[in-house]
Amino acid sequence: MTNQTVKAKPGPKRGRPAVKKAPVTFAATTTVSHAVPASEEAPSKYHRVLNGFWFDIYDVLYVYGIANPGDQHAIKKMAMPGGRGVKTANQDREEAIVSLKRAIQLDS
C-alpha cells in the first residue's frame, strides 16, 4: 500500500468555526509479507491461522485498506466481542456502534 494523505474535515456544524489542520500523511507499517508459518508459535494471543500462516486484525485492516480509525476500532471490537476477557460481548458491541458513529462523522 502506498502512502496516503488524510485531509482534515470541517468542524462540527454547531456554530463553531472549522479548525484548519494540516493534512496528515502516514505510511502503512504492517505488511502481510511478515506472516509467520503456522508451524511456529503464535506471535500473540490475538493471532489466528489462515492458509497456514498467522495473521492478526491489523493484517486484515491493512489488506482491506481500512483507513478510518473509527472503522478500524469497530472492526477490532467485532472480531472478538467479549473474547478478550475484559468486557462482555454486548459492551464490545455498544462500543463498536459508538466507533461507527464517529467514523461517519469523520467521513462527513
N, C-alpha and C. Protein backbone atom coordinates (compact mmCIF):
# COMPACT_ATOMS: atom_id res chain seq x y z
N MET A 1 0.85 -1.16 0.00
CA MET A 1 0.00 0.00 0.00
C MET A 1 0.90 1.23 0.00
N THR A 2 0.54 2.23 -0.73
CA THR A 2 1.34 3.44 -0.81
C THR A 2 0.95 4.41 0.28
N ASN A 3 1.75 5.46 0.41
CA ASN A 3 1.41 6.50 1.38
C ASN A 3 0.07 7.11 1.03
N GLN A 4 -0.69 7.42 2.07
CA GLN A 4 -2.00 8.03 1.85
C GLN A 4 -2.05 9.34 2.59
N THR A 5 -2.78 10.31 2.07
CA THR A 5 -2.94 11.58 2.74
C THR A 5 -4.38 11.68 3.21
N VAL A 6 -4.53 12.03 4.48
CA VAL A 6 -5.85 12.19 5.06
C VAL A 6 -6.06 13.67 5.27
N LYS A 7 -7.09 14.24 4.67
CA LYS A 7 -7.37 15.66 4.80
C LYS A 7 -8.31 15.89 5.97
N ALA A 8 -8.07 16.96 6.69
CA ALA A 8 -8.91 17.31 7.83
C ALA A 8 -10.31 17.69 7.33
N LYS A 9 -11.31 17.27 8.06
CA LYS A 9 -12.69 17.58 7.73
C LYS A 9 -13.11 18.85 8.47
N PRO A 10 -14.13 19.56 7.97
CA PRO A 10 -14.61 20.74 8.69
C PRO A 10 -15.12 20.35 10.08
N GLY A 11 -15.09 21.31 11.00
CA GLY A 11 -15.55 21.07 12.36
C GLY A 11 -17.04 20.81 12.41
N PRO A 12 -17.55 20.51 13.61
CA PRO A 12 -18.96 20.22 13.77
C PRO A 12 -19.82 21.41 13.36
N LYS A 13 -21.03 21.14 12.92
CA LYS A 13 -21.93 22.18 12.45
C LYS A 13 -22.77 22.72 13.60
N ARG A 14 -22.09 23.16 14.66
CA ARG A 14 -22.79 23.69 15.83
C ARG A 14 -22.47 25.15 16.04
N GLY A 15 -22.20 25.86 14.96
CA GLY A 15 -21.91 27.27 15.07
C GLY A 15 -20.44 27.57 15.35
N ARG A 16 -19.65 26.52 15.60
CA ARG A 16 -18.23 26.74 15.83
C ARG A 16 -17.50 26.74 14.50
N PRO A 17 -16.50 27.59 14.37
CA PRO A 17 -15.76 27.59 13.10
C PRO A 17 -14.94 26.31 12.97
N ALA A 18 -14.75 25.90 11.74
CA ALA A 18 -13.94 24.71 11.47
C ALA A 18 -12.49 25.01 11.79
N VAL A 19 -11.84 24.07 12.43
CA VAL A 19 -10.42 24.23 12.73
C VAL A 19 -9.64 23.70 11.54
N LYS A 20 -8.77 24.53 11.01
CA LYS A 20 -7.97 24.09 9.86
C LYS A 20 -6.74 23.37 10.36
N LYS A 21 -6.56 22.15 9.86
CA LYS A 21 -5.41 21.34 10.24
C LYS A 21 -4.65 20.99 8.98
N ALA A 22 -3.37 20.83 9.14
CA ALA A 22 -2.55 20.39 8.02
C ALA A 22 -2.88 18.94 7.70
N PRO A 23 -2.83 18.56 6.43
CA PRO A 23 -3.07 17.15 6.09
C PRO A 23 -2.07 16.25 6.81
N VAL A 24 -2.54 15.09 7.22
CA VAL A 24 -1.70 14.12 7.91
C VAL A 24 -1.32 13.04 6.91
N THR A 25 -0.05 12.76 6.80
CA THR A 25 0.41 11.71 5.91
C THR A 25 0.92 10.54 6.74
N PHE A 26 0.53 9.36 6.38
CA PHE A 26 1.02 8.18 7.09
C PHE A 26 1.32 7.09 6.09
N ALA A 27 2.21 6.24 6.45
CA ALA A 27 2.58 5.10 5.61
C ALA A 27 2.12 3.84 6.31
N ALA A 28 1.62 2.90 5.56
CA ALA A 28 1.23 1.61 6.14
C ALA A 28 2.48 0.93 6.68
N THR A 29 2.42 0.50 7.93
CA THR A 29 3.60 -0.10 8.54
C THR A 29 3.46 -1.61 8.67
N THR A 30 2.27 -2.13 8.52
CA THR A 30 2.06 -3.56 8.66
C THR A 30 1.98 -4.18 7.28
N THR A 31 2.75 -5.19 7.05
CA THR A 31 2.66 -5.91 5.79
C THR A 31 2.42 -7.37 6.09
N VAL A 32 1.66 -7.99 5.23
CA VAL A 32 1.35 -9.39 5.41
C VAL A 32 2.55 -10.25 5.02
N SER A 33 3.53 -9.66 4.38
CA SER A 33 4.71 -10.44 3.99
C SER A 33 5.51 -10.93 5.19
N HIS A 34 5.23 -10.41 6.38
CA HIS A 34 5.93 -10.87 7.58
C HIS A 34 5.25 -12.10 8.19
N ALA A 35 4.27 -12.62 7.50
CA ALA A 35 3.49 -13.74 8.03
C ALA A 35 4.38 -14.87 8.52
N VAL A 36 4.02 -15.40 9.66
CA VAL A 36 4.78 -16.48 10.29
C VAL A 36 4.08 -17.80 9.97
N PRO A 37 4.81 -18.80 9.50
CA PRO A 37 4.17 -20.09 9.23
C PRO A 37 3.47 -20.62 10.49
N ALA A 38 2.32 -21.23 10.31
CA ALA A 38 1.51 -21.72 11.43
C ALA A 38 2.21 -22.81 12.21
N SER A 39 3.28 -23.38 11.67
CA SER A 39 4.01 -24.41 12.39
C SER A 39 4.77 -23.81 13.57
N GLU A 40 4.99 -22.49 13.54
CA GLU A 40 5.66 -21.81 14.64
C GLU A 40 4.64 -21.32 15.66
N GLU A 41 5.11 -20.90 16.82
CA GLU A 41 4.24 -20.42 17.89
C GLU A 41 3.58 -19.10 17.48
N ALA A 42 2.35 -18.89 17.94
CA ALA A 42 1.62 -17.67 17.62
C ALA A 42 2.38 -16.46 18.15
N PRO A 43 2.51 -15.40 17.32
CA PRO A 43 3.21 -14.20 17.78
C PRO A 43 2.52 -13.50 18.96
N SER A 44 1.20 -13.63 19.05
CA SER A 44 0.45 -13.07 20.19
C SER A 44 -0.85 -13.85 20.34
N LYS A 45 -1.55 -13.59 21.43
CA LYS A 45 -2.81 -14.30 21.65
C LYS A 45 -3.91 -13.85 20.70
N TYR A 46 -3.69 -12.77 19.97
CA TYR A 46 -4.69 -12.27 19.03
C TYR A 46 -4.51 -12.81 17.62
N HIS A 47 -3.45 -13.53 17.36
CA HIS A 47 -3.21 -14.08 16.03
C HIS A 47 -4.05 -15.34 15.80
N ARG A 48 -4.47 -15.52 14.56
CA ARG A 48 -5.23 -16.69 14.12
C ARG A 48 -4.55 -17.27 12.89
N VAL A 49 -4.85 -18.53 12.59
CA VAL A 49 -4.24 -19.18 11.43
C VAL A 49 -5.18 -19.07 10.23
N LEU A 50 -4.60 -18.72 9.08
CA LEU A 50 -5.34 -18.69 7.82
C LEU A 50 -4.39 -19.14 6.73
N ASN A 51 -4.78 -20.17 6.00
CA ASN A 51 -3.96 -20.70 4.90
C ASN A 51 -2.52 -21.00 5.33
N GLY A 52 -2.38 -21.52 6.54
CA GLY A 52 -1.07 -21.94 7.01
C GLY A 52 -0.19 -20.84 7.57
N PHE A 53 -0.73 -19.61 7.74
CA PHE A 53 0.05 -18.50 8.29
C PHE A 53 -0.72 -17.82 9.41
N TRP A 54 0.02 -17.25 10.36
CA TRP A 54 -0.60 -16.47 11.42
C TRP A 54 -0.93 -15.08 10.90
N PHE A 55 -2.05 -14.53 11.32
CA PHE A 55 -2.41 -13.15 11.00
C PHE A 55 -3.15 -12.58 12.20
N ASP A 56 -3.21 -11.25 12.28
CA ASP A 56 -4.00 -10.60 13.32
C ASP A 56 -4.92 -9.56 12.68
N ILE A 57 -5.69 -8.90 13.50
CA ILE A 57 -6.70 -7.96 12.98
C ILE A 57 -6.04 -6.82 12.21
N TYR A 58 -4.81 -6.44 12.58
CA TYR A 58 -4.15 -5.35 11.88
C TYR A 58 -3.75 -5.76 10.47
N ASP A 59 -3.43 -7.04 10.27
CA ASP A 59 -3.18 -7.54 8.91
C ASP A 59 -4.45 -7.43 8.07
N VAL A 60 -5.58 -7.78 8.67
CA VAL A 60 -6.87 -7.72 7.96
C VAL A 60 -7.19 -6.28 7.58
N LEU A 61 -7.02 -5.35 8.52
CA LEU A 61 -7.29 -3.93 8.24
C LEU A 61 -6.40 -3.43 7.11
N TYR A 62 -5.14 -3.85 7.12
CA TYR A 62 -4.20 -3.44 6.09
C TYR A 62 -4.61 -3.98 4.72
N VAL A 63 -4.92 -5.27 4.66
CA VAL A 63 -5.27 -5.91 3.39
C VAL A 63 -6.50 -5.26 2.78
N TYR A 64 -7.47 -4.93 3.60
CA TYR A 64 -8.70 -4.32 3.09
C TYR A 64 -8.61 -2.80 2.96
N GLY A 65 -7.51 -2.21 3.36
CA GLY A 65 -7.33 -0.77 3.20
C GLY A 65 -8.24 0.07 4.08
N ILE A 66 -8.56 -0.41 5.27
CA ILE A 66 -9.42 0.33 6.18
C ILE A 66 -8.58 1.43 6.82
N ALA A 67 -8.82 2.69 6.47
CA ALA A 67 -8.00 3.80 6.95
C ALA A 67 -8.70 4.62 8.04
N ASN A 68 -10.03 4.59 8.08
CA ASN A 68 -10.77 5.38 9.06
C ASN A 68 -10.59 4.76 10.45
N PRO A 69 -10.06 5.52 11.42
CA PRO A 69 -9.82 4.94 12.74
C PRO A 69 -11.08 4.46 13.44
N GLY A 70 -12.21 5.10 13.19
CA GLY A 70 -13.47 4.63 13.77
C GLY A 70 -13.86 3.27 13.24
N ASP A 71 -13.72 3.09 11.93
CA ASP A 71 -13.99 1.78 11.33
C ASP A 71 -13.03 0.73 11.86
N GLN A 72 -11.74 1.10 11.98
CA GLN A 72 -10.74 0.16 12.49
C GLN A 72 -11.11 -0.31 13.89
N HIS A 73 -11.49 0.62 14.75
CA HIS A 73 -11.81 0.26 16.13
C HIS A 73 -13.05 -0.63 16.19
N ALA A 74 -14.06 -0.29 15.40
CA ALA A 74 -15.30 -1.10 15.39
C ALA A 74 -15.02 -2.52 14.89
N ILE A 75 -14.23 -2.64 13.85
CA ILE A 75 -13.91 -3.97 13.32
C ILE A 75 -13.12 -4.77 14.35
N LYS A 76 -12.19 -4.11 15.01
CA LYS A 76 -11.40 -4.80 16.04
C LYS A 76 -12.32 -5.30 17.16
N LYS A 77 -13.26 -4.46 17.59
CA LYS A 77 -14.20 -4.86 18.65
C LYS A 77 -15.07 -6.04 18.20
N MET A 78 -15.53 -6.02 16.95
CA MET A 78 -16.44 -7.05 16.47
C MET A 78 -15.74 -8.34 16.06
N ALA A 79 -14.43 -8.30 15.94
CA ALA A 79 -13.70 -9.52 15.59
C ALA A 79 -13.74 -10.52 16.74
N MET A 80 -13.79 -10.02 17.98
CA MET A 80 -13.82 -10.90 19.16
C MET A 80 -14.71 -10.30 20.25
N PRO A 81 -16.00 -10.11 19.98
CA PRO A 81 -16.84 -9.48 21.00
C PRO A 81 -16.87 -10.31 22.28
N GLY A 82 -16.42 -9.70 23.38
CA GLY A 82 -16.39 -10.39 24.65
C GLY A 82 -15.29 -11.41 24.78
N GLY A 83 -14.46 -11.56 23.77
CA GLY A 83 -13.46 -12.61 23.76
C GLY A 83 -12.09 -12.22 24.25
N ARG A 84 -11.92 -10.97 24.66
CA ARG A 84 -10.61 -10.54 25.14
C ARG A 84 -10.52 -10.61 26.66
N GLY A 85 -11.61 -11.00 27.32
CA GLY A 85 -11.59 -11.21 28.75
C GLY A 85 -11.76 -9.97 29.60
N VAL A 86 -11.99 -8.82 28.99
CA VAL A 86 -12.12 -7.58 29.76
C VAL A 86 -13.58 -7.13 29.81
N LYS A 87 -14.25 -7.14 28.67
CA LYS A 87 -15.62 -6.67 28.57
C LYS A 87 -16.53 -7.77 28.05
N THR A 88 -17.82 -7.58 28.28
CA THR A 88 -18.79 -8.54 27.76
C THR A 88 -18.97 -8.32 26.26
N ALA A 89 -19.57 -9.28 25.60
CA ALA A 89 -19.84 -9.17 24.17
C ALA A 89 -20.73 -7.95 23.89
N ASN A 90 -21.72 -7.74 24.72
CA ASN A 90 -22.61 -6.59 24.50
C ASN A 90 -21.91 -5.26 24.72
N GLN A 91 -20.98 -5.20 25.67
CA GLN A 91 -20.21 -3.97 25.86
C GLN A 91 -19.36 -3.68 24.62
N ASP A 92 -18.73 -4.72 24.07
CA ASP A 92 -17.95 -4.53 22.85
C ASP A 92 -18.83 -4.09 21.69
N ARG A 93 -20.03 -4.65 21.58
CA ARG A 93 -20.95 -4.25 20.51
C ARG A 93 -21.37 -2.79 20.65
N GLU A 94 -21.65 -2.37 21.87
CA GLU A 94 -22.03 -0.97 22.12
C GLU A 94 -20.88 -0.03 21.74
N GLU A 95 -19.67 -0.41 22.11
CA GLU A 95 -18.51 0.41 21.76
C GLU A 95 -18.27 0.43 20.26
N ALA A 96 -18.57 -0.67 19.58
CA ALA A 96 -18.44 -0.70 18.12
C ALA A 96 -19.43 0.27 17.48
N ILE A 97 -20.64 0.34 18.01
CA ILE A 97 -21.64 1.28 17.49
C ILE A 97 -21.16 2.71 17.66
N VAL A 98 -20.62 3.03 18.84
CA VAL A 98 -20.08 4.37 19.08
C VAL A 98 -18.97 4.68 18.09
N SER A 99 -18.10 3.71 17.85
CA SER A 99 -16.99 3.90 16.92
C SER A 99 -17.48 4.12 15.49
N LEU A 100 -18.51 3.39 15.10
CA LEU A 100 -19.06 3.56 13.74
C LEU A 100 -19.72 4.93 13.58
N LYS A 101 -20.37 5.41 14.63
CA LYS A 101 -20.96 6.76 14.57
C LYS A 101 -19.85 7.80 14.41
N ARG A 102 -18.74 7.59 15.11
CA ARG A 102 -17.61 8.52 14.97
C ARG A 102 -17.00 8.41 13.57
N ALA A 103 -16.94 7.22 13.03
CA ALA A 103 -16.42 7.03 11.67
C ALA A 103 -17.25 7.81 10.66
N ILE A 104 -18.57 7.80 10.86
CA ILE A 104 -19.47 8.56 9.97
C ILE A 104 -19.17 10.06 10.08
N GLN A 105 -18.94 10.53 11.31
CA GLN A 105 -18.60 11.96 11.50
C GLN A 105 -17.31 12.30 10.79
N LEU A 106 -16.33 11.42 10.89
CA LEU A 106 -15.04 11.69 10.26
C LEU A 106 -15.14 11.74 8.74
N ASP A 107 -16.05 10.98 8.16
CA ASP A 107 -16.20 10.95 6.70
C ASP A 107 -17.22 11.95 6.18
N SER A 108 -17.88 12.67 7.07
CA SER A 108 -18.91 13.64 6.63
C SER A 108 -18.31 14.98 6.29
